[in-house]
């Protein structure tokens, strides 16, 4: 019996490996061109699009919330799920559980940190709130962030305000921004002797504004302030490593830009910060200096974690530089077409330090929620409204590697038509 179990696992594991080799043989045979040239090679991107199971009767321009997984990731997840259900208590604990250390190693390698600084979580929110609710902050101590951080993160800080007496301070910035130096200066001016933590987005959920993270973290470290980066829209969107940021904590979801199964994410904690950060759910004191204490959440579906390695392989097959160049190409394709239309305002800088695949646009006199509904009902275009009271009223459009030029051009056509006729 034991032999048959091992034989099954070996066969299943071999199937996953064979699938990867077969699926990515085409992706490895790429043109030796610059990322910018490869970004416009439609034959290559046709191969990438063919890796997904997309519903082409809807134009999906909302990769910012969650992205589909390619076939290889779906297959891996289903196979790990089948293995789990052969005998969950045995296969999960004895066979699949230990293999998640490979996932940790691969993620740490991609991010550029030690595996013992990498916790595997379910999403950005969980990762962020581990830090937000786990830091020892005293009444009157301040947390500094911006008005465009994700609402759930602002809610978490406000709960700590109500419960623990800390103080949340927010600063605003124009969109498009006045440049990286201006963003750093706006945060620096808001620092006081009571500031203990600075929370910043790597790229905002609103317009995709990329922040000068390393400069902000350096400024904070000089003052003894800890830095938490909301990387929901950073990791696997554009290339970087931990050393390009130098933050204390970094949180992200893997079901956005990495195309991993829904419900996967990670939390990076600088090694010297692990000991004093409380886990969200209780862990033994013996794990105080172990990054795995942040994964003590009880029983959970290990199949989705196991498939993360397939998503990393897919990402590597495309190439991070090529992927970012393609995403910028698609954003510019539609935004350049509508930028000069009457009443239309594109809210992205074309400086590659400040933007990548996420785009945002507003139409004068048109409410973002109404525009979102109109695009869905009339054109079957799926976008997201982004409203920050007194600052933003726009839609966020996010093409991805599975998007076609026809879909992106059709979106630009609809904005042209609405700018002329309104929502009719």
Protein backbone atom coordinates (compact mmCIF):
# COMPACT_ATOMS: atom_id res chain seq x y z
CA UNK A 1 0.00 0.00 0.00
CA UNK A 2 2.78 2.40 0.95
CA UNK A 3 4.52 1.64 -2.34
CA UNK A 4 1.40 2.42 -4.33
CA UNK A 5 0.94 5.75 -2.54
CA UNK A 6 4.47 6.77 -3.34
CA UNK A 7 4.09 5.61 -6.91
CA UNK A 8 0.95 7.75 -7.29
CA UNK A 9 2.68 10.83 -5.89
CA UNK A 10 5.68 10.28 -8.11
CA UNK A 11 3.43 9.95 -11.15
CA UNK A 12 1.46 13.06 -10.20
CA UNK A 13 4.60 15.06 -9.58
CA UNK A 14 6.05 13.84 -12.86
CA UNK A 15 2.87 14.88 -14.63
CA UNK A 16 3.21 18.40 -13.28
CA UNK A 17 6.80 18.60 -14.40
CA UNK A 18 5.99 17.22 -17.84
CA UNK A 19 3.14 19.67 -18.19
CA UNK A 20 5.47 22.54 -17.41
CA UNK A 21 8.06 21.42 -19.95
CA UNK A 22 5.44 21.01 -22.65
CA UNK A 23 3.64 24.27 -21.90
CA UNK A 24 6.75 26.40 -21.63
CA UNK A 25 8.81 24.97 -24.47
CA UNK A 26 7.22 27.61 -26.68
CA UNK A 27 7.76 30.37 -24.15
CA UNK A 28 11.46 29.65 -23.87
CA UNK A 29 11.94 29.95 -27.63
CA UNK A 30 11.68 33.74 -27.54
CA UNK A 31 13.13 36.31 -29.88
CA UNK A 32 16.44 37.80 -28.69
CA UNK A 33 15.04 41.30 -28.87
CA UNK A 34 14.87 44.19 -26.41
CA UNK A 35 11.89 44.15 -24.02
CA UNK A 36 10.41 47.14 -25.86
CA UNK A 37 10.65 45.34 -29.21
CA UNK A 38 9.30 42.10 -27.76
CA UNK A 39 6.37 44.07 -26.28
CA UNK A 40 5.07 44.61 -29.83
CA UNK A 41 5.71 41.10 -31.15
CA UNK A 42 2.11 39.92 -31.55
CA UNK A 43 3.14 36.39 -32.52
CA UNK A 44 4.87 36.00 -29.17
CA UNK A 45 1.95 37.44 -27.18
CA UNK A 46 -0.48 35.21 -29.06
CA UNK A 47 1.40 32.28 -27.53
CA UNK A 48 1.05 33.82 -24.08
CA UNK A 49 -2.68 34.49 -24.54
CA UNK A 50 -3.19 30.89 -25.62
CA UNK A 51 -1.99 29.80 -22.15
CA UNK A 52 -5.15 31.22 -20.55
CA UNK A 53 -8.80 30.13 -20.61
CA UNK A 54 -10.28 33.59 -21.10
CA UNK A 55 -13.94 34.40 -21.78
CA UNK A 56 -13.58 36.52 -24.90
CA UNK A 57 -17.23 37.62 -24.73
CA UNK A 58 -16.19 40.04 -21.99
CA UNK A 59 -13.33 42.55 -22.15
CA UNK A 60 -11.48 42.05 -18.88
CA UNK A 61 -9.64 45.26 -17.99
CA UNK A 62 -9.61 44.62 -14.26
CA UNK A 63 -6.48 42.64 -13.55
CA UNK A 64 -5.98 45.00 -10.63
CA UNK A 65 -8.47 43.07 -8.50
CA UNK A 66 -7.65 39.47 -9.44
CA UNK A 67 -6.22 37.84 -12.54
CA UNK A 68 -6.99 34.49 -14.11
CA UNK A 69 -4.44 31.71 -13.74
CA UNK A 70 -2.92 30.06 -16.83
CA UNK A 71 -3.72 26.44 -17.62
CA UNK A 72 -0.57 25.04 -16.03
CA UNK A 73 -1.40 26.71 -12.71
CA UNK A 74 -5.01 25.51 -12.84
CA UNK A 75 -3.86 21.97 -13.60
CA UNK A 76 -1.29 21.95 -10.81
CA UNK A 77 -3.87 23.16 -8.31
CA UNK A 78 -6.37 20.50 -9.39
CA UNK A 79 -3.77 17.75 -9.18
CA UNK A 80 -2.65 18.81 -5.72
CA UNK A 81 -6.31 18.89 -4.73
CA UNK A 82 -6.82 15.34 -6.04
CA UNK A 83 -3.79 14.17 -4.07
CA UNK A 84 -5.09 15.90 -0.94
CA UNK A 85 -8.41 14.10 -1.17
CA UNK A 86 -6.82 10.65 -1.33
CA UNK A 87 -6.15 10.93 2.42
CA UNK A 88 -5.98 14.54 3.63
CA UNK A 89 -4.52 14.02 7.08
CA UNK A 90 -1.72 11.86 5.70
CA UNK A 91 -0.93 13.38 2.34
CA UNK A 92 -1.10 16.99 3.53
CA UNK A 93 0.99 16.50 6.65
CA UNK A 94 3.47 13.95 5.35
CA UNK A 95 3.73 14.67 1.64
CA UNK A 96 2.42 18.06 0.46
CA UNK A 97 3.18 20.16 3.54
CA UNK A 98 6.96 19.76 3.37
CA UNK A 99 6.91 20.65 -0.34
CA UNK A 100 5.65 24.14 0.50
CA UNK A 101 9.19 24.91 1.60
CA UNK A 102 10.04 24.81 -2.11
CA UNK A 103 7.38 27.45 -2.69
CA UNK A 104 8.93 29.56 0.06
CA UNK A 105 12.39 29.20 -1.47
CA UNK A 106 11.16 30.11 -4.97
CA UNK A 107 9.23 33.16 -3.73
CA UNK A 108 12.17 34.34 -1.63
CA UNK A 109 14.46 33.96 -4.63
CA UNK A 110 12.12 36.01 -6.82
CA UNK A 111 11.78 38.74 -4.17
CA UNK A 112 15.45 38.69 -3.24
CA UNK A 113 15.30 37.80 0.45
CA UNK A 114 16.20 34.86 2.66
CA UNK A 115 13.53 32.11 2.77
CA UNK A 116 13.36 32.55 6.54
CA UNK A 117 12.07 36.10 5.96
CA UNK A 118 9.19 34.96 3.72
CA UNK A 119 5.74 33.98 5.07
CA UNK A 120 3.17 32.51 2.66
CA UNK A 121 -0.24 34.06 3.27
CA UNK A 122 -3.65 34.27 1.62
CA UNK A 123 -3.58 37.83 0.30
CA UNK A 124 -2.24 41.36 0.78
CA UNK A 125 -4.82 42.25 3.41
CA UNK A 126 -3.86 39.35 5.66
CA UNK A 127 -0.17 40.13 5.21
CA UNK A 128 -0.69 43.82 5.91
CA UNK A 129 -2.85 43.29 8.98
CA UNK A 130 -0.31 40.89 10.48
CA UNK A 131 1.98 43.91 10.62
CA UNK A 132 -0.61 46.57 11.35
CA UNK A 133 -2.12 44.70 14.28
CA UNK A 134 1.12 43.04 15.37
CA UNK A 135 3.30 46.10 15.93
CA UNK A 136 3.69 47.32 19.49
CA UNK A 137 2.42 50.90 19.28
CA UNK A 138 1.61 53.06 22.28
CA UNK A 139 -1.17 55.66 22.70
CA UNK A 140 -0.29 58.87 20.91
CA UNK A 141 2.27 57.30 18.59
CA UNK A 142 1.69 58.12 14.94
CA UNK A 143 1.33 56.16 11.72
CA UNK A 144 1.79 58.09 8.48
CA UNK A 145 0.30 57.09 5.13
CA UNK A 146 -1.49 58.62 2.13
CA UNK A 147 -5.14 59.16 1.31
CA UNK A 148 -4.76 56.74 -1.62
CA UNK A 149 -3.80 53.66 0.32
CA UNK A 150 -6.23 50.77 0.16
CA UNK A 151 -9.41 51.37 2.24
CA UNK A 152 -9.02 48.09 4.18
CA UNK A 153 -5.58 49.18 5.37
CA UNK A 154 -6.87 52.59 6.45
CA UNK A 155 -9.68 50.79 8.31
CA UNK A 156 -7.16 48.62 10.15
CA UNK A 157 -5.25 51.68 11.37
CA UNK A 158 -8.50 53.37 12.41
CA UNK A 159 -9.40 50.32 14.47
CA UNK A 160 -6.09 50.70 16.26
CA UNK A 161 -6.88 54.38 16.76
CA UNK A 162 -10.16 53.44 18.45
CA UNK A 163 -8.76 50.52 20.39
CA UNK A 164 -5.21 51.55 21.26
CA UNK A 165 -5.18 55.32 21.00
CA UNK A 166 -2.62 55.58 18.20
CA UNK A 167 -2.86 58.44 15.70
CA UNK A 168 -3.30 57.97 11.93
CA UNK A 169 -2.07 60.81 9.72
CA UNK A 170 -2.68 60.92 5.97
CA UNK A 171 -1.21 63.10 3.24
CA UNK A 172 -2.54 63.65 -0.25
CA UNK A 173 -0.71 64.08 -3.55
CA UNK A 174 -1.83 65.15 -7.04
CA UNK A 175 -2.56 62.67 -9.82
CA UNK A 176 -0.47 62.46 -11.86
CA UNK A 177 2.09 63.25 -9.20
CA UNK A 178 4.57 66.10 -9.34
CA UNK A 179 7.37 63.53 -9.45
CA UNK A 180 9.12 61.15 -7.05
CA UNK A 181 10.91 63.89 -5.12
CA UNK A 182 7.62 65.66 -4.44
CA UNK A 183 6.10 62.47 -3.01
CA UNK A 184 9.06 62.01 -0.67
CA UNK A 185 8.85 65.65 0.43
CA UNK A 186 5.12 65.49 1.16
CA UNK A 187 5.67 62.56 3.52
CA UNK A 188 8.77 64.09 5.08
CA UNK A 189 6.91 67.28 5.95
CA UNK A 190 4.27 65.25 7.82
CA UNK A 191 6.76 63.43 10.07
CA UNK A 192 6.80 64.41 13.74
CA UNK A 193 8.78 63.13 16.75
CA UNK A 194 5.83 60.79 17.41
CA UNK A 195 5.92 59.07 13.97
CA UNK A 196 6.69 55.35 14.36
CA UNK A 197 5.52 53.79 11.08
CA UNK A 198 5.19 54.91 7.47
CA UNK A 199 2.85 52.87 5.25
CA UNK A 200 3.12 53.42 1.52
CA UNK A 201 1.87 51.71 -1.61
CA UNK A 202 4.39 50.31 -4.00
CA UNK A 203 1.84 51.16 -6.71
CA UNK A 204 -1.50 52.68 -5.74
CA UNK A 205 -4.73 50.75 -6.22
CA UNK A 206 -6.31 53.91 -7.65
CA UNK A 207 -4.16 55.00 -10.60
CA UNK A 208 -1.13 52.70 -10.38
CA UNK A 209 1.18 55.52 -9.27
CA UNK A 210 4.52 53.89 -8.44
CA UNK A 211 6.11 55.31 -5.31
CA UNK A 212 9.83 56.04 -4.80
CA UNK A 213 9.96 53.35 -2.14
CA UNK A 214 13.70 53.19 -1.56
CA UNK A 215 14.00 56.95 -1.04
CA UNK A 216 11.10 56.94 1.41
CA UNK A 217 12.50 53.95 3.31
CA UNK A 218 15.94 55.57 3.54
CA UNK A 219 14.40 58.78 4.87
CA UNK A 220 12.41 56.81 7.44
CA UNK A 221 15.36 54.66 8.57
CA UNK A 222 17.43 57.77 9.28
CA UNK A 223 14.73 58.75 11.76
CA UNK A 224 14.21 55.31 13.32
CA UNK A 225 10.80 54.90 11.63
CA UNK A 226 9.64 51.47 10.41
CA UNK A 227 8.36 51.10 6.85
CA UNK A 228 5.50 48.89 5.63
CA UNK A 229 4.96 48.62 1.87
CA UNK A 230 1.58 47.66 0.43
CA UNK A 231 2.82 45.70 -2.58
CA UNK A 232 -0.52 44.41 -3.86
CA UNK A 233 0.27 45.94 -7.26
CA UNK A 234 4.03 45.65 -7.19
CA UNK A 235 5.26 42.08 -7.12
CA UNK A 236 5.41 40.45 -10.61
CA UNK A 237 3.95 43.62 -12.17
CA UNK A 238 7.33 45.22 -12.86
CA UNK A 239 10.84 44.01 -12.03
CA UNK A 240 12.49 44.81 -8.68
CA UNK A 241 14.02 43.02 -5.70
CA UNK A 242 14.03 43.60 -1.97
CA UNK A 243 17.30 45.53 -2.20
CA UNK A 244 15.64 48.00 -4.58
CA UNK A 245 13.24 48.87 -1.74
CA UNK A 246 15.06 48.37 1.59
CA UNK A 247 11.77 48.29 3.52
CA UNK A 248 11.08 46.54 6.83
CA UNK A 249 7.88 44.80 5.70
CA UNK A 250 6.40 44.04 2.27
CA UNK A 251 2.96 42.53 1.65
CA UNK A 252 1.44 41.32 -1.61
CA UNK A 253 -1.14 39.10 -3.27
CA UNK A 254 -0.02 36.51 -5.80
CA UNK A 255 -3.39 36.21 -7.58
CA UNK A 256 -3.01 39.62 -9.21
CA UNK A 257 0.17 39.99 -11.26
CA UNK A 258 1.78 36.57 -10.69
CA UNK A 259 -1.38 34.69 -11.86
CA UNK A 260 -1.25 32.28 -8.91
CA UNK A 261 -4.44 30.69 -7.51
CA UNK A 262 -6.91 33.02 -5.83
CA UNK A 263 -6.15 33.21 -2.13
CA UNK A 264 -2.35 33.34 -2.21
CA UNK A 265 0.06 36.02 -1.04
CA UNK A 266 3.23 36.61 0.91
CA UNK A 267 4.63 38.73 3.71
CA UNK A 268 8.29 39.70 3.88
CA UNK A 269 9.58 40.63 7.32
CA UNK A 270 13.14 41.84 7.76
CA UNK A 271 14.93 39.26 9.87
CA UNK A 272 15.58 41.54 12.85
CA UNK A 273 11.88 42.51 12.95
CA UNK A 274 10.42 38.99 13.18
CA UNK A 275 10.96 38.51 16.90
CA UNK A 276 8.95 41.51 18.09
CA UNK A 277 6.09 41.35 15.58
CA UNK A 278 3.05 39.55 17.00
CA UNK A 279 1.33 37.04 14.68
CA UNK A 280 -2.28 37.66 13.72
CA UNK A 281 -3.26 34.28 15.19
CA UNK A 282 -1.47 32.90 18.22
CA UNK A 283 1.68 30.81 17.74
CA UNK A 284 3.84 29.01 20.32
CA UNK A 285 6.49 31.18 21.98
CA UNK A 286 9.06 28.73 20.67
CA UNK A 287 8.30 30.18 17.19
CA UNK A 288 8.97 33.76 18.25
CA UNK A 289 11.85 34.17 15.80
CA UNK A 290 10.40 31.89 13.11
CA UNK A 291 8.75 33.50 10.05
CA UNK A 292 6.34 30.54 9.99
CA UNK A 293 4.57 31.87 13.08
CA UNK A 294 2.67 34.17 10.71
CA UNK A 295 1.26 31.10 8.93
CA UNK A 296 -0.38 29.63 12.03
CA UNK A 297 -3.95 29.98 10.74
CA UNK A 298 -5.29 26.46 11.22
CA UNK A 299 -6.46 24.10 8.51
CA UNK A 300 -6.38 25.60 5.02
CA UNK A 301 -6.30 24.34 1.39
CA UNK A 302 -2.69 23.48 0.66
CA UNK A 303 -3.41 22.78 -3.01
CA UNK A 304 -3.48 26.48 -3.85
CA UNK A 305 -0.12 27.04 -2.19
CA UNK A 306 1.44 24.16 -4.08
CA UNK A 307 0.52 25.69 -7.42
CA UNK A 308 2.41 28.94 -6.71
CA UNK A 309 5.57 27.40 -8.14
CA UNK A 310 3.83 26.90 -11.49
CA UNK A 311 2.87 30.59 -11.49
CA UNK A 312 6.47 31.56 -10.81
CA UNK A 313 7.62 29.31 -13.67
CA UNK A 314 5.10 30.94 -16.01
CA UNK A 315 6.27 34.41 -14.94
CA UNK A 316 9.90 33.47 -15.48
CA UNK A 317 9.03 32.01 -18.87
CA UNK A 318 7.64 35.32 -20.07
CA UNK A 319 10.47 37.32 -18.50
CA UNK A 320 9.89 40.14 -16.02
CA UNK A 321 11.33 42.84 -18.28
CA UNK A 322 9.32 41.71 -21.33
CA UNK A 323 6.16 41.49 -19.24
CA UNK A 324 6.53 45.02 -17.83
CA UNK A 325 7.29 46.39 -21.30
CA UNK A 326 4.15 44.74 -22.69
CA UNK A 327 1.99 46.10 -19.88
CA UNK A 328 3.32 49.63 -20.44
CA UNK A 329 2.78 49.26 -24.19
CA UNK A 330 -0.87 48.29 -23.71
CA UNK A 331 -1.55 51.13 -21.25
CA UNK A 332 0.03 53.70 -23.52
CA UNK A 333 -1.84 52.32 -26.54
CA UNK A 334 -5.22 53.28 -25.14
CA UNK A 335 -4.21 56.28 -23.03
CA UNK A 336 -2.30 58.04 -25.85
CA UNK A 337 -5.39 57.70 -28.04
CA UNK A 338 -7.75 59.40 -25.57
CA UNK A 339 -5.36 61.78 -23.78
CA UNK A 340 -6.20 64.89 -25.83
CA UNK A 341 -9.96 64.35 -26.12
CA UNK A 342 -12.18 67.16 -24.75
CA UNK A 343 -13.07 66.57 -21.10
CA UNK A 344 -10.84 63.49 -20.81
CA UNK A 345 -8.03 63.38 -18.28
CA UNK A 346 -5.49 60.57 -18.14
CA UNK A 347 -4.13 60.26 -14.61
CA UNK A 348 -0.84 58.49 -15.32
CA UNK A 349 2.66 59.78 -15.89
CA UNK A 350 4.54 58.13 -18.76
CA UNK A 351 7.73 58.15 -16.68
CA UNK A 352 8.53 54.41 -16.24
CA UNK A 353 9.57 55.16 -12.66
CA UNK A 354 5.98 56.17 -11.94
CA UNK A 355 3.71 53.86 -13.95
CA UNK A 356 3.45 50.47 -15.59
CA UNK A 357 0.33 48.53 -16.61
CA UNK A 358 -2.37 50.20 -14.50
CA UNK A 359 -4.09 53.16 -16.12
CA UNK A 360 -6.73 55.59 -14.90
CA UNK A 361 -8.92 58.06 -16.73
CA UNK A 362 -11.66 60.51 -15.79
CA UNK A 363 -14.29 62.22 -17.94
CA UNK A 364 -15.48 65.66 -16.99
CA UNK A 365 -19.01 65.58 -15.59
CA UNK A 366 -19.19 61.76 -15.65
CA UNK A 367 -19.34 59.88 -12.35
CA UNK A 368 -16.92 56.96 -12.17
CA UNK A 369 -19.51 54.52 -10.84
CA UNK A 370 -21.97 55.46 -13.58
CA UNK A 371 -19.24 55.14 -16.22
CA UNK A 372 -18.24 51.70 -14.91
CA UNK A 373 -21.84 50.47 -15.11
CA UNK A 374 -22.29 51.92 -18.59
CA UNK A 375 -19.17 50.21 -19.93
CA UNK A 376 -20.30 46.88 -18.50
CA UNK A 377 -23.91 47.03 -19.68
CA UNK A 378 -23.42 48.49 -23.15
CA UNK A 379 -19.99 47.19 -24.16
CA UNK A 380 -19.24 44.29 -21.77
CA UNK A 381 -16.03 46.04 -20.71
CA UNK A 382 -15.04 45.28 -17.13
CA UNK A 383 -13.20 48.06 -15.27
CA UNK A 384 -13.23 49.41 -11.71
CA UNK A 385 -14.33 52.83 -10.39
CA UNK A 386 -11.84 54.56 -8.12
CA UNK A 387 -13.17 57.39 -5.97
CA UNK A 388 -11.29 59.24 -3.23
CA UNK A 389 -13.47 62.00 -1.80
CA UNK A 390 -12.25 65.41 -2.93
CA UNK A 391 -9.35 63.93 -4.91
CA UNK A 392 -10.32 61.31 -7.50
CA UNK A 393 -13.33 60.24 -9.50
CA UNK A 394 -12.01 57.97 -12.22
CA UNK A 395 -12.03 54.48 -13.66
CA UNK A 396 -9.05 52.13 -13.50
CA UNK A 397 -8.32 50.16 -16.66
CA UNK A 398 -5.83 47.31 -16.40
CA UNK A 399 -5.04 45.24 -19.50
CA UNK A 400 -2.77 42.24 -19.03
CA UNK A 401 -0.67 39.75 -20.98
CA UNK A 402 -3.85 37.94 -22.04
CA UNK A 403 -5.40 41.12 -23.48
CA UNK A 404 -5.65 41.57 -27.24
CA UNK A 405 -4.92 44.76 -29.16
CA UNK A 406 -8.51 44.63 -30.42
CA UNK A 407 -9.81 44.73 -26.84
CA UNK A 408 -7.56 47.64 -25.87
CA UNK A 409 -8.48 49.58 -29.02
CA UNK A 410 -12.18 48.91 -28.43
CA UNK A 411 -11.87 50.39 -24.93
CA UNK A 412 -10.27 53.53 -26.39
CA UNK A 413 -13.10 53.76 -28.96
CA UNK A 414 -15.73 53.66 -26.22
CA UNK A 415 -14.01 56.49 -24.31
CA UNK A 416 -13.90 58.51 -27.54
CA UNK A 417 -17.61 57.90 -28.09
CA UNK A 418 -18.57 58.76 -24.50
CA UNK A 419 -16.49 61.96 -24.65
CA UNK A 420 -18.61 63.03 -27.66
CA UNK A 421 -22.06 61.77 -26.71
CA UNK A 422 -22.03 61.15 -22.98
CA UNK A 423 -23.61 58.09 -21.37
CA UNK A 424 -26.28 57.32 -23.94
